[in-house]
Amino acid sequence: ARRMKARFRSKGEKGTRFVHTLNGSGIAVGRTLVAILENYQQEDGSV
């Protein structure tokens, strides 16, 4: 937020504060495909 200059203002206040930012994979699609292939595999090679 400091790098981006992203702030918020609370009701009734003149000053501002920096927001907090969060990020996360929700999730990596390719790696999930990998996990499904390996966890749901059958002996004949099907999935």
ModelCIF file with pLDDT and N, C-alpha, C, O atoms, coordinates in Angstrom:
data_MODEL
#
_entry.id   MODEL 
#
_entity.id                         1 
_entity.type                       polymer 
_entity.pdbx_number_of_molecules   1 
#
_entity_poly.entity_id                      1 
_entity_poly.type                           'polypeptide(L)' 
_entity_poly.nstd_linkage                   no 
_entity_poly.nstd_monomer                   no 
_entity_poly.pdbx_seq_one_letter_code       ARRMKARFRSKGEKGTRFVHTLNGSGIAVGRTLVAILENYQQEDGSV 
_entity_poly.pdbx_seq_one_letter_code_can   ARRMKARFRSKGEKGTRFVHTLNGSGIAVGRTLVAILENYQQEDGSV 
_entity_poly.pdbx_strand_id                 A 
#
loop_
_entity_poly_seq.entity_id 
_entity_poly_seq.num 
_entity_poly_seq.mon_id 
_entity_poly_seq.hetero 
1 1  ALA n 
1 2  ARG n 
1 3  ARG n 
1 4  MET n 
1 5  LYS n 
1 6  ALA n 
1 7  ARG n 
1 8  PHE n 
1 9  ARG n 
1 10 SER n 
1 11 LYS n 
1 12 GLY n 
1 13 GLU n 
1 14 LYS n 
1 15 GLY n 
1 16 THR n 
1 17 ARG n 
1 18 PHE n 
1 19 VAL n 
1 20 HIS n 
1 21 THR n 
1 22 LEU n 
1 23 ASN n 
1 24 GLY n 
1 25 SER n 
1 26 GLY n 
1 27 ILE n 
1 28 ALA n 
1 29 VAL n 
1 30 GLY n 
1 31 ARG n 
1 32 THR n 
1 33 LEU n 
1 34 VAL n 
1 35 ALA n 
1 36 ILE n 
1 37 LEU n 
1 38 GLU n 
1 39 ASN n 
1 40 TYR n 
1 41 GLN n 
1 42 GLN n 
1 43 GLU n 
1 44 ASP n 
1 45 GLY n 
1 46 SER n 
1 47 VAL n 
#
_struct_asym.id          A 
_struct_asym.entity_id   1 
#
loop_
_ma_qa_metric.id 
_ma_qa_metric.mode 
_ma_qa_metric.name 
_ma_qa_metric.software_group_id 
_ma_qa_metric.type 
1 global pLDDT . pLDDT 
2 local  pLDDT . pLDDT 
#
_ma_qa_metric_global.metric_id      1 
_ma_qa_metric_global.metric_value   96.87 
_ma_qa_metric_global.model_id       1 
_ma_qa_metric_global.ordinal_id     1 
#
loop_
_ma_qa_metric_local.label_asym_id 
_ma_qa_metric_local.label_comp_id 
_ma_qa_metric_local.label_seq_id 
_ma_qa_metric_local.metric_id 
_ma_qa_metric_local.metric_value 
_ma_qa_metric_local.model_id 
_ma_qa_metric_local.ordinal_id 
A ALA 1  2 98.00 1 1  
A ARG 2  2 97.00 1 2  
A ARG 3  2 97.00 1 3  
A MET 4  2 98.00 1 4  
A LYS 5  2 98.00 1 5  
A ALA 6  2 98.00 1 6  
A ARG 7  2 98.00 1 7  
A PHE 8  2 98.00 1 8  
A ARG 9  2 97.00 1 9  
A SER 10 2 95.00 1 10 
A LYS 11 2 91.00 1 11 
A GLY 12 2 89.00 1 12 
A GLU 13 2 92.00 1 13 
A LYS 14 2 92.00 1 14 
A GLY 15 2 95.00 1 15 
A THR 16 2 98.00 1 16 
A ARG 17 2 98.00 1 17 
A PHE 18 2 98.00 1 18 
A VAL 19 2 98.00 1 19 
A HIS 20 2 98.00 1 20 
A THR 21 2 98.00 1 21 
A LEU 22 2 98.00 1 22 
A ASN 23 2 98.00 1 23 
A GLY 24 2 98.00 1 24 
A SER 25 2 97.00 1 25 
A GLY 26 2 97.00 1 26 
A ILE 27 2 95.00 1 27 
A ALA 28 2 96.00 1 28 
A VAL 29 2 98.00 1 29 
A GLY 30 2 97.00 1 30 
A ARG 31 2 97.00 1 31 
A THR 32 2 98.00 1 32 
A LEU 33 2 98.00 1 33 
A VAL 34 2 98.00 1 34 
A ALA 35 2 98.00 1 35 
A ILE 36 2 98.00 1 36 
A LEU 37 2 98.00 1 37 
A GLU 38 2 98.00 1 38 
A ASN 39 2 98.00 1 39 
A TYR 40 2 98.00 1 40 
A GLN 41 2 98.00 1 41 
A GLN 42 2 97.00 1 42 
A GLU 43 2 97.00 1 43 
A ASP 44 2 96.00 1 44 
A GLY 45 2 96.00 1 45 
A SER 46 2 97.00 1 46 
A VAL 47 2 98.00 1 47 
#
loop_
_atom_site.group_PDB 
_atom_site.id 
_atom_site.type_symbol 
_atom_site.label_atom_id 
_atom_site.label_alt_id 
_atom_site.label_comp_id 
_atom_site.label_asym_id 
_atom_site.label_entity_id 
_atom_site.label_seq_id 
_atom_site.pdbx_PDB_ins_code 
_atom_site.Cartn_x 
_atom_site.Cartn_y 
_atom_site.Cartn_z 
_atom_site.occupancy 
_atom_site.B_iso_or_equiv 
_atom_site.pdbx_formal_charge 
_atom_site.auth_seq_id 
_atom_site.auth_comp_id 
_atom_site.auth_asym_id 
_atom_site.auth_atom_id 
_atom_site.pdbx_PDB_model_num 
ATOM 1   N N  . ALA A 1 1  ? 0.826   -1.211  0.000   1.00 98.00 ? 1  ALA A N  1 
ATOM 2   C CA . ALA A 1 1  ? 0.000   0.000   0.000   1.00 98.00 ? 1  ALA A CA 1 
ATOM 3   C C  . ALA A 1 1  ? 0.860   1.259   0.000   1.00 98.00 ? 1  ALA A C  1 
ATOM 4   O O  . ALA A 1 1  ? 0.519   2.244   -0.657  1.00 98.00 ? 1  ALA A O  1 
ATOM 5   N N  . ARG A 1 2  ? 1.970   1.233   0.732   1.00 97.00 ? 2  ARG A N  1 
ATOM 6   C CA . ARG A 1 2  ? 2.869   2.381   0.735   1.00 97.00 ? 2  ARG A CA 1 
ATOM 7   C C  . ARG A 1 2  ? 3.488   2.596   -0.645  1.00 97.00 ? 2  ARG A C  1 
ATOM 8   O O  . ARG A 1 2  ? 3.628   3.733   -1.096  1.00 97.00 ? 2  ARG A O  1 
ATOM 9   N N  . ARG A 1 3  ? 3.854   1.517   -1.305  1.00 97.00 ? 3  ARG A N  1 
ATOM 10  C CA . ARG A 1 3  ? 4.425   1.628   -2.644  1.00 97.00 ? 3  ARG A CA 1 
ATOM 11  C C  . ARG A 1 3  ? 3.386   2.137   -3.638  1.00 97.00 ? 3  ARG A C  1 
ATOM 12  O O  . ARG A 1 3  ? 3.709   2.891   -4.556  1.00 97.00 ? 3  ARG A O  1 
ATOM 13  N N  . MET A 1 4  ? 2.129   1.716   -3.448  1.00 98.00 ? 4  MET A N  1 
ATOM 14  C CA . MET A 1 4  ? 1.051   2.100   -4.358  1.00 98.00 ? 4  MET A CA 1 
ATOM 15  C C  . MET A 1 4  ? 0.370   3.396   -3.955  1.00 98.00 ? 4  MET A C  1 
ATOM 16  O O  . MET A 1 4  ? -0.367  3.980   -4.750  1.00 98.00 ? 4  MET A O  1 
ATOM 17  N N  . LYS A 1 5  ? 0.608   3.859   -2.720  1.00 98.00 ? 5  LYS A N  1 
ATOM 18  C CA . LYS A 1 5  ? -0.096  5.019   -2.157  1.00 98.00 ? 5  LYS A CA 1 
ATOM 19  C C  . LYS A 1 5  ? -1.601  4.758   -2.123  1.00 98.00 ? 5  LYS A C  1 
ATOM 20  O O  . LYS A 1 5  ? -2.400  5.557   -2.611  1.00 98.00 ? 5  LYS A O  1 
ATOM 21  N N  . ALA A 1 6  ? -1.960  3.630   -1.540  1.00 98.00 ? 6  ALA A N  1 
ATOM 22  C CA . ALA A 1 6  ? -3.361  3.222   -1.408  1.00 98.00 ? 6  ALA A CA 1 
ATOM 23  C C  . ALA A 1 6  ? -3.797  3.410   0.040   1.00 98.00 ? 6  ALA A C  1 
ATOM 24  O O  . ALA A 1 6  ? -3.245  2.787   0.947   1.00 98.00 ? 6  ALA A O  1 
ATOM 25  N N  . ARG A 1 7  ? -4.782  4.262   0.252   1.00 98.00 ? 7  ARG A N  1 
ATOM 26  C CA . ARG A 1 7  ? -5.211  4.623   1.601   1.00 98.00 ? 7  ARG A CA 1 
ATOM 27  C C  . ARG A 1 7  ? -6.720  4.443   1.758   1.00 98.00 ? 7  ARG A C  1 
ATOM 28  O O  . ARG A 1 7  ? -7.437  4.142   0.804   1.00 98.00 ? 7  ARG A O  1 
ATOM 29  N N  . PHE A 1 8  ? -7.174  4.640   3.002   1.00 98.00 ? 8  PHE A N  1 
ATOM 30  C CA . PHE A 1 8  ? -8.601  4.711   3.278   1.00 98.00 ? 8  PHE A CA 1 
ATOM 31  C C  . PHE A 1 8  ? -8.830  5.764   4.349   1.00 98.00 ? 8  PHE A C  1 
ATOM 32  O O  . PHE A 1 8  ? -7.915  6.143   5.080   1.00 98.00 ? 8  PHE A O  1 
ATOM 33  N N  . ARG A 1 9  ? -10.065 6.224   4.425   1.00 97.00 ? 9  ARG A N  1 
ATOM 34  C CA . ARG A 1 9  ? -10.437 7.213   5.432   1.00 97.00 ? 9  ARG A CA 1 
ATOM 35  C C  . ARG A 1 9  ? -11.624 6.696   6.223   1.00 97.00 ? 9  ARG A C  1 
ATOM 36  O O  . ARG A 1 9  ? -12.617 6.249   5.649   1.00 97.00 ? 9  ARG A O  1 
ATOM 37  N N  . SER A 1 10 ? -11.518 6.758   7.531   1.00 95.00 ? 10 SER A N  1 
ATOM 38  C CA . SER A 1 10 ? -12.623 6.364   8.401   1.00 95.00 ? 10 SER A CA 1 
ATOM 39  C C  . SER A 1 10 ? -13.639 7.490   8.490   1.00 95.00 ? 10 SER A C  1 
ATOM 40  O O  . SER A 1 10 ? -13.293 8.661   8.336   1.00 95.00 ? 10 SER A O  1 
ATOM 41  N N  . LYS A 1 11 ? -14.890 7.135   8.740   1.00 91.00 ? 11 LYS A N  1 
ATOM 42  C CA . LYS A 1 11 ? -15.966 8.114   8.843   1.00 91.00 ? 11 LYS A CA 1 
ATOM 43  C C  . LYS A 1 11 ? -15.676 9.111   9.953   1.00 91.00 ? 11 LYS A C  1 
ATOM 44  O O  . LYS A 1 11 ? -15.325 8.736   11.072  1.00 91.00 ? 11 LYS A O  1 
ATOM 45  N N  . GLY A 1 12 ? -15.828 10.380  9.624   1.00 89.00 ? 12 GLY A N  1 
ATOM 46  C CA . GLY A 1 12 ? -15.639 11.439  10.606  1.00 89.00 ? 12 GLY A CA 1 
ATOM 47  C C  . GLY A 1 12 ? -14.203 11.833  10.850  1.00 89.00 ? 12 GLY A C  1 
ATOM 48  O O  . GLY A 1 12 ? -13.940 12.701  11.682  1.00 89.00 ? 12 GLY A O  1 
ATOM 49  N N  . GLU A 1 13 ? -13.247 11.210  10.139  1.00 92.00 ? 13 GLU A N  1 
ATOM 50  C CA . GLU A 1 13 ? -11.841 11.542  10.322  1.00 92.00 ? 13 GLU A CA 1 
ATOM 51  C C  . GLU A 1 13 ? -11.288 12.252  9.097   1.00 92.00 ? 13 GLU A C  1 
ATOM 52  O O  . GLU A 1 13 ? -11.654 11.926  7.968   1.00 92.00 ? 13 GLU A O  1 
ATOM 53  N N  . LYS A 1 14 ? -10.409 13.219  9.316   1.00 92.00 ? 14 LYS A N  1 
ATOM 54  C CA . LYS A 1 14 ? -9.775  13.944  8.221   1.00 92.00 ? 14 LYS A CA 1 
ATOM 55  C C  . LYS A 1 14 ? -8.571  13.188  7.664   1.00 92.00 ? 14 LYS A C  1 
ATOM 56  O O  . LYS A 1 14 ? -8.318  13.191  6.460   1.00 92.00 ? 14 LYS A O  1 
ATOM 57  N N  . GLY A 1 15 ? -7.842  12.547  8.561   1.00 95.00 ? 15 GLY A N  1 
ATOM 58  C CA . GLY A 1 15 ? -6.640  11.839  8.149   1.00 95.00 ? 15 GLY A CA 1 
ATOM 59  C C  . GLY A 1 15 ? -6.944  10.525  7.451   1.00 95.00 ? 15 GLY A C  1 
ATOM 60  O O  . GLY A 1 15 ? -8.072  10.032  7.481   1.00 95.00 ? 15 GLY A O  1 
ATOM 61  N N  . THR A 1 16 ? -5.920  9.970   6.825   1.00 98.00 ? 16 THR A N  1 
ATOM 62  C CA . THR A 1 16 ? -6.048  8.694   6.129   1.00 98.00 ? 16 THR A CA 1 
ATOM 63  C C  . THR A 1 16 ? -5.046  7.696   6.681   1.00 98.00 ? 16 THR A C  1 
ATOM 64  O O  . THR A 1 16 ? -4.069  8.075   7.327   1.00 98.00 ? 16 THR A O  1 
ATOM 65  N N  . ARG A 1 17 ? -5.293  6.422   6.424   1.00 98.00 ? 17 ARG A N  1 
ATOM 66  C CA . ARG A 1 17 ? -4.385  5.340   6.792   1.00 98.00 ? 17 ARG A CA 1 
ATOM 67  C C  . ARG A 1 17 ? -4.153  4.459   5.571   1.00 98.00 ? 17 ARG A C  1 
ATOM 68  O O  . ARG A 1 17 ? -4.990  4.387   4.670   1.00 98.00 ? 17 ARG A O  1 
ATOM 69  N N  . PHE A 1 18 ? -3.017  3.801   5.557   1.00 98.00 ? 18 PHE A N  1 
ATOM 70  C CA . PHE A 1 18 ? -2.751  2.859   4.486   1.00 98.00 ? 18 PHE A CA 1 
ATOM 71  C C  . PHE A 1 18 ? -3.593  1.592   4.686   1.00 98.00 ? 18 PHE A C  1 
ATOM 72  O O  . PHE A 1 18 ? -3.749  1.109   5.807   1.00 98.00 ? 18 PHE A O  1 
ATOM 73  N N  . VAL A 1 19 ? -4.126  1.069   3.593   1.00 98.00 ? 19 VAL A N  1 
ATOM 74  C CA . VAL A 1 19 ? -4.823  -0.204  3.655   1.00 98.00 ? 19 VAL A CA 1 
ATOM 75  C C  . VAL A 1 19 ? -3.806  -1.318  3.850   1.00 98.00 ? 19 VAL A C  1 
ATOM 76  O O  . VAL A 1 19 ? -2.603  -1.094  3.722   1.00 98.00 ? 19 VAL A O  1 
ATOM 77  N N  . HIS A 1 20 ? -4.288  -2.520  4.159   1.00 98.00 ? 20 HIS A N  1 
ATOM 78  C CA . HIS A 1 20 ? -3.470  -3.719  4.140   1.00 98.00 ? 20 HIS A CA 1 
ATOM 79  C C  . HIS A 1 20 ? -3.873  -4.543  2.925   1.00 98.00 ? 20 HIS A C  1 
ATOM 80  O O  . HIS A 1 20 ? -5.051  -4.618  2.579   1.00 98.00 ? 20 HIS A O  1 
ATOM 81  N N  . THR A 1 21 ? -2.895  -5.158  2.287   1.00 98.00 ? 21 THR A N  1 
ATOM 82  C CA . THR A 1 21 ? -3.165  -5.971  1.106   1.00 98.00 ? 21 THR A CA 1 
ATOM 83  C C  . THR A 1 21 ? -2.786  -7.416  1.368   1.00 98.00 ? 21 THR A C  1 
ATOM 84  O O  . THR A 1 21 ? -1.805  -7.705  2.054   1.00 98.00 ? 21 THR A O  1 
ATOM 85  N N  . LEU A 1 22 ? -3.581  -8.321  0.809   1.00 98.00 ? 22 LEU A N  1 
ATOM 86  C CA . LEU A 1 22 ? -3.347  -9.757  0.937   1.00 98.00 ? 22 LEU A CA 1 
ATOM 87  C C  . LEU A 1 22 ? -3.539  -10.404 -0.422  1.00 98.00 ? 22 LEU A C  1 
ATOM 88  O O  . LEU A 1 22 ? -4.352  -9.946  -1.224  1.00 98.00 ? 22 LEU A O  1 
ATOM 89  N N  . ASN A 1 23 ? -2.798  -11.459 -0.678  1.00 98.00 ? 23 ASN A N  1 
ATOM 90  C CA . ASN A 1 23 ? -2.958  -12.195 -1.921  1.00 98.00 ? 23 ASN A CA 1 
ATOM 91  C C  . ASN A 1 23 ? -2.730  -13.674 -1.688  1.00 98.00 ? 23 ASN A C  1 
ATOM 92  O O  . ASN A 1 23 ? -1.984  -14.071 -0.793  1.00 98.00 ? 23 ASN A O  1 
ATOM 93  N N  . GLY A 1 24 ? -3.380  -14.480 -2.504  1.00 98.00 ? 24 GLY A N  1 
ATOM 94  C CA . GLY A 1 24 ? -3.213  -15.917 -2.385  1.00 98.00 ? 24 GLY A CA 1 
ATOM 95  C C  . GLY A 1 24 ? -3.653  -16.633 -3.647  1.00 98.00 ? 24 GLY A C  1 
ATOM 96  O O  . GLY A 1 24 ? -4.532  -16.158 -4.367  1.00 98.00 ? 24 GLY A O  1 
ATOM 97  N N  . SER A 1 25 ? -3.048  -17.763 -3.910  1.00 97.00 ? 25 SER A N  1 
ATOM 98  C CA . SER A 1 25 ? -3.476  -18.613 -5.020  1.00 97.00 ? 25 SER A CA 1 
ATOM 99  C C  . SER A 1 25 ? -4.725  -19.352 -4.605  1.00 97.00 ? 25 SER A C  1 
ATOM 100 O O  . SER A 1 25 ? -4.784  -19.973 -3.544  1.00 97.00 ? 25 SER A O  1 
ATOM 101 N N  . GLY A 1 26 ? -5.731  -19.272 -5.475  1.00 97.00 ? 26 GLY A N  1 
ATOM 102 C CA . GLY A 1 26 ? -6.999  -19.850 -5.089  1.00 97.00 ? 26 GLY A CA 1 
ATOM 103 C C  . GLY A 1 26 ? -7.608  -20.915 -5.992  1.00 97.00 ? 26 GLY A C  1 
ATOM 104 O O  . GLY A 1 26 ? -8.833  -21.035 -6.002  1.00 97.00 ? 26 GLY A O  1 
ATOM 105 N N  . ILE A 1 27 ? -6.827  -21.714 -6.767  1.00 95.00 ? 27 ILE A N  1 
ATOM 106 C CA . ILE A 1 27 ? -5.405  -21.991 -6.568  1.00 95.00 ? 27 ILE A CA 1 
ATOM 107 C C  . ILE A 1 27 ? -4.730  -22.128 -7.925  1.00 95.00 ? 27 ILE A C  1 
ATOM 108 O O  . ILE A 1 27 ? -5.347  -21.844 -8.951  1.00 95.00 ? 27 ILE A O  1 
ATOM 109 N N  . ALA A 1 28 ? -3.464  -22.561 -7.948  1.00 96.00 ? 28 ALA A N  1 
ATOM 110 C CA . ALA A 1 28 ? -2.748  -22.777 -9.197  1.00 96.00 ? 28 ALA A CA 1 
ATOM 111 C C  . ALA A 1 28 ? -3.405  -23.896 -9.979  1.00 96.00 ? 28 ALA A C  1 
ATOM 112 O O  . ALA A 1 28 ? -3.427  -25.043 -9.531  1.00 96.00 ? 28 ALA A O  1 
ATOM 113 N N  . VAL A 1 29 ? -3.945  -23.568 -11.156 1.00 98.00 ? 29 VAL A N  1 
ATOM 114 C CA . VAL A 1 29 ? -4.749  -24.520 -11.916 1.00 98.00 ? 29 VAL A CA 1 
ATOM 115 C C  . VAL A 1 29 ? -3.904  -25.672 -12.443 1.00 98.00 ? 29 VAL A C  1 
ATOM 116 O O  . VAL A 1 29 ? -4.284  -26.835 -12.312 1.00 98.00 ? 29 VAL A O  1 
ATOM 117 N N  . GLY A 1 30 ? -2.757  -25.350 -13.039 1.00 97.00 ? 30 GLY A N  1 
ATOM 118 C CA . GLY A 1 30 ? -1.908  -26.396 -13.588 1.00 97.00 ? 30 GLY A CA 1 
ATOM 119 C C  . GLY A 1 30 ? -1.441  -27.388 -12.547 1.00 97.00 ? 30 GLY A C  1 
ATOM 120 O O  . GLY A 1 30 ? -1.447  -28.593 -12.797 1.00 97.00 ? 30 GLY A O  1 
ATOM 121 N N  . ARG A 1 31 ? -1.037  -26.908 -11.387 1.00 97.00 ? 31 ARG A N  1 
ATOM 122 C CA . ARG A 1 31 ? -0.580  -27.803 -10.325 1.00 97.00 ? 31 ARG A CA 1 
ATOM 123 C C  . ARG A 1 31 ? -1.736  -28.626 -9.757  1.00 97.00 ? 31 ARG A C  1 
ATOM 124 O O  . ARG A 1 31 ? -1.538  -29.756 -9.310  1.00 97.00 ? 31 ARG A O  1 
ATOM 125 N N  . THR A 1 32 ? -2.947  -28.056 -9.778  1.00 98.00 ? 32 THR A N  1 
ATOM 126 C CA . THR A 1 32 ? -4.109  -28.831 -9.341  1.00 98.00 ? 32 THR A CA 1 
ATOM 127 C C  . THR A 1 32 ? -4.398  -29.947 -10.334 1.00 98.00 ? 32 THR A C  1 
ATOM 128 O O  . THR A 1 32 ? -4.743  -31.059 -9.936  1.00 98.00 ? 32 THR A O  1 
ATOM 129 N N  . LEU A 1 33 ? -4.260  -29.660 -11.617 1.00 98.00 ? 33 LEU A N  1 
ATOM 130 C CA . LEU A 1 33 ? -4.409  -30.696 -12.637 1.00 98.00 ? 33 LEU A CA 1 
ATOM 131 C C  . LEU A 1 33 ? -3.385  -31.806 -12.412 1.00 98.00 ? 33 LEU A C  1 
ATOM 132 O O  . LEU A 1 33 ? -3.717  -32.988 -12.502 1.00 98.00 ? 33 LEU A O  1 
ATOM 133 N N  . VAL A 1 34 ? -2.153  -31.429 -12.123 1.00 98.00 ? 34 VAL A N  1 
ATOM 134 C CA . VAL A 1 34 ? -1.112  -32.401 -11.814 1.00 98.00 ? 34 VAL A CA 1 
ATOM 135 C C  . VAL A 1 34 ? -1.527  -33.278 -10.639 1.00 98.00 ? 34 VAL A C  1 
ATOM 136 O O  . VAL A 1 34 ? -1.382  -34.500 -10.682 1.00 98.00 ? 34 VAL A O  1 
ATOM 137 N N  . ALA A 1 35 ? -2.042  -32.645 -9.590  1.00 98.00 ? 35 ALA A N  1 
ATOM 138 C CA . ALA A 1 35 ? -2.435  -33.381 -8.385  1.00 98.00 ? 35 ALA A CA 1 
ATOM 139 C C  . ALA A 1 35 ? -3.580  -34.342 -8.658  1.00 98.00 ? 35 ALA A C  1 
ATOM 140 O O  . ALA A 1 35 ? -3.597  -35.451 -8.126  1.00 98.00 ? 35 ALA A O  1 
ATOM 141 N N  . ILE A 1 36 ? -4.533  -33.931 -9.478  1.00 98.00 ? 36 ILE A N  1 
ATOM 142 C CA . ILE A 1 36 ? -5.657  -34.809 -9.823  1.00 98.00 ? 36 ILE A CA 1 
ATOM 143 C C  . ILE A 1 36 ? -5.164  -36.009 -10.626 1.00 98.00 ? 36 ILE A C  1 
ATOM 144 O O  . ILE A 1 36 ? -5.563  -37.143 -10.360 1.00 98.00 ? 36 ILE A O  1 
ATOM 145 N N  . LEU A 1 37 ? -4.298  -35.761 -11.605 1.00 98.00 ? 37 LEU A N  1 
ATOM 146 C CA . LEU A 1 37 ? -3.765  -36.859 -12.390 1.00 98.00 ? 37 LEU A CA 1 
ATOM 147 C C  . LEU A 1 37 ? -3.098  -37.899 -11.498 1.00 98.00 ? 37 LEU A C  1 
ATOM 148 O O  . LEU A 1 37 ? -3.317  -39.099 -11.667 1.00 98.00 ? 37 LEU A O  1 
ATOM 149 N N  . GLU A 1 38 ? -2.293  -37.445 -10.557 1.00 98.00 ? 38 GLU A N  1 
ATOM 150 C CA . GLU A 1 38 ? -1.529  -38.390 -9.749  1.00 98.00 ? 38 GLU A CA 1 
ATOM 151 C C  . GLU A 1 38 ? -2.362  -39.044 -8.657  1.00 98.00 ? 38 GLU A C  1 
ATOM 152 O O  . GLU A 1 38 ? -2.162  -40.223 -8.362  1.00 98.00 ? 38 GLU A O  1 
ATOM 153 N N  . ASN A 1 39 ? -3.289  -38.313 -8.051  1.00 98.00 ? 39 ASN A N  1 
ATOM 154 C CA . ASN A 1 39 ? -4.077  -38.882 -6.962  1.00 98.00 ? 39 ASN A CA 1 
ATOM 155 C C  . ASN A 1 39 ? -5.261  -39.706 -7.444  1.00 98.00 ? 39 ASN A C  1 
ATOM 156 O O  . ASN A 1 39 ? -5.726  -40.587 -6.721  1.00 98.00 ? 39 ASN A O  1 
ATOM 157 N N  . TYR A 1 40 ? -5.761  -39.443 -8.644  1.00 98.00 ? 40 TYR A N  1 
ATOM 158 C CA . TYR A 1 40 ? -6.927  -40.149 -9.157  1.00 98.00 ? 40 TYR A CA 1 
ATOM 159 C C  . TYR A 1 40 ? -6.565  -41.128 -10.270 1.00 98.00 ? 40 TYR A C  1 
ATOM 160 O O  . TYR A 1 40 ? -7.451  -41.605 -10.979 1.00 98.00 ? 40 TYR A O  1 
ATOM 161 N N  . GLN A 1 41 ? -5.295  -41.432 -10.433 1.00 98.00 ? 41 GLN A N  1 
ATOM 162 C CA . GLN A 1 41 ? -4.877  -42.361 -11.483 1.00 98.00 ? 41 GLN A CA 1 
ATOM 163 C C  . GLN A 1 41 ? -5.307  -43.789 -11.169 1.00 98.00 ? 41 GLN A C  1 
ATOM 164 O O  . GLN A 1 41 ? -5.420  -44.182 -10.008 1.00 98.00 ? 41 GLN A O  1 
ATOM 165 N N  . GLN A 1 42 ? -5.542  -44.553 -12.230 1.00 97.00 ? 42 GLN A N  1 
ATOM 166 C CA . GLN A 1 42 ? -5.908  -45.959 -12.134 1.00 97.00 ? 42 GLN A CA 1 
ATOM 167 C C  . GLN A 1 42 ? -4.798  -46.818 -12.750 1.00 97.00 ? 42 GLN A C  1 
ATOM 168 O O  . GLN A 1 42 ? -3.954  -46.316 -13.492 1.00 97.00 ? 42 GLN A O  1 
ATOM 169 N N  . GLU A 1 43 ? -4.810  -48.068 -12.446 1.00 97.00 ? 43 GLU A N  1 
ATOM 170 C CA . GLU A 1 43 ? -3.730  -48.949 -12.897 1.00 97.00 ? 43 GLU A CA 1 
ATOM 171 C C  . GLU A 1 43 ? -3.618  -49.011 -14.413 1.00 97.00 ? 43 GLU A C  1 
ATOM 172 O O  . GLU A 1 43 ? -2.523  -49.187 -14.948 1.00 97.00 ? 43 GLU A O  1 
ATOM 173 N N  . ASP A 1 44 ? -4.769  -48.865 -15.125 1.00 96.00 ? 44 ASP A N  1 
ATOM 174 C CA . ASP A 1 44 ? -4.738  -48.921 -16.585 1.00 96.00 ? 44 ASP A CA 1 
ATOM 175 C C  . ASP A 1 44 ? -4.302  -47.607 -17.232 1.00 96.00 ? 44 ASP A C  1 
ATOM 176 O O  . ASP A 1 44 ? -4.294  -47.483 -18.457 1.00 96.00 ? 44 ASP A O  1 
ATOM 177 N N  . GLY A 1 45 ? -3.937  -46.619 -16.391 1.00 96.00 ? 45 GLY A N  1 
ATOM 178 C CA . GLY A 1 45 ? -3.483  -45.333 -16.907 1.00 96.00 ? 45 GLY A CA 1 
ATOM 179 C C  . GLY A 1 45 ? -4.569  -44.289 -17.046 1.00 96.00 ? 45 GLY A C  1 
ATOM 180 O O  . GLY A 1 45 ? -4.274  -43.130 -17.338 1.00 96.00 ? 45 GLY A O  1 
ATOM 181 N N  . SER A 1 46 ? -5.827  -44.674 -16.842 1.00 97.00 ? 46 SER A N  1 
ATOM 182 C CA . SER A 1 46 ? -6.914  -43.703 -16.872 1.00 97.00 ? 46 SER A CA 1 
ATOM 183 C C  . SER A 1 46 ? -6.920  -42.893 -15.576 1.00 97.00 ? 46 SER A C  1 
ATOM 184 O O  . SER A 1 46 ? -6.233  -43.232 -14.612 1.00 97.00 ? 46 SER A O  1 
ATOM 185 N N  . VAL A 1 47 ? -7.700  -41.830 -15.574 1.00 98.00 ? 47 VAL A N  1 
ATOM 186 C CA . VAL A 1 47 ? -7.764  -40.933 -14.413 1.00 98.00 ? 47 VAL A CA 1 
ATOM 187 C C  . VAL A 1 47 ? -9.224  -40.624 -14.115 1.00 98.00 ? 47 VAL A C  1 
ATOM 188 O O  . VAL A 1 47 ? -9.519  -39.886 -13.175 1.00 98.00 ? 47 VAL A O  1 
#
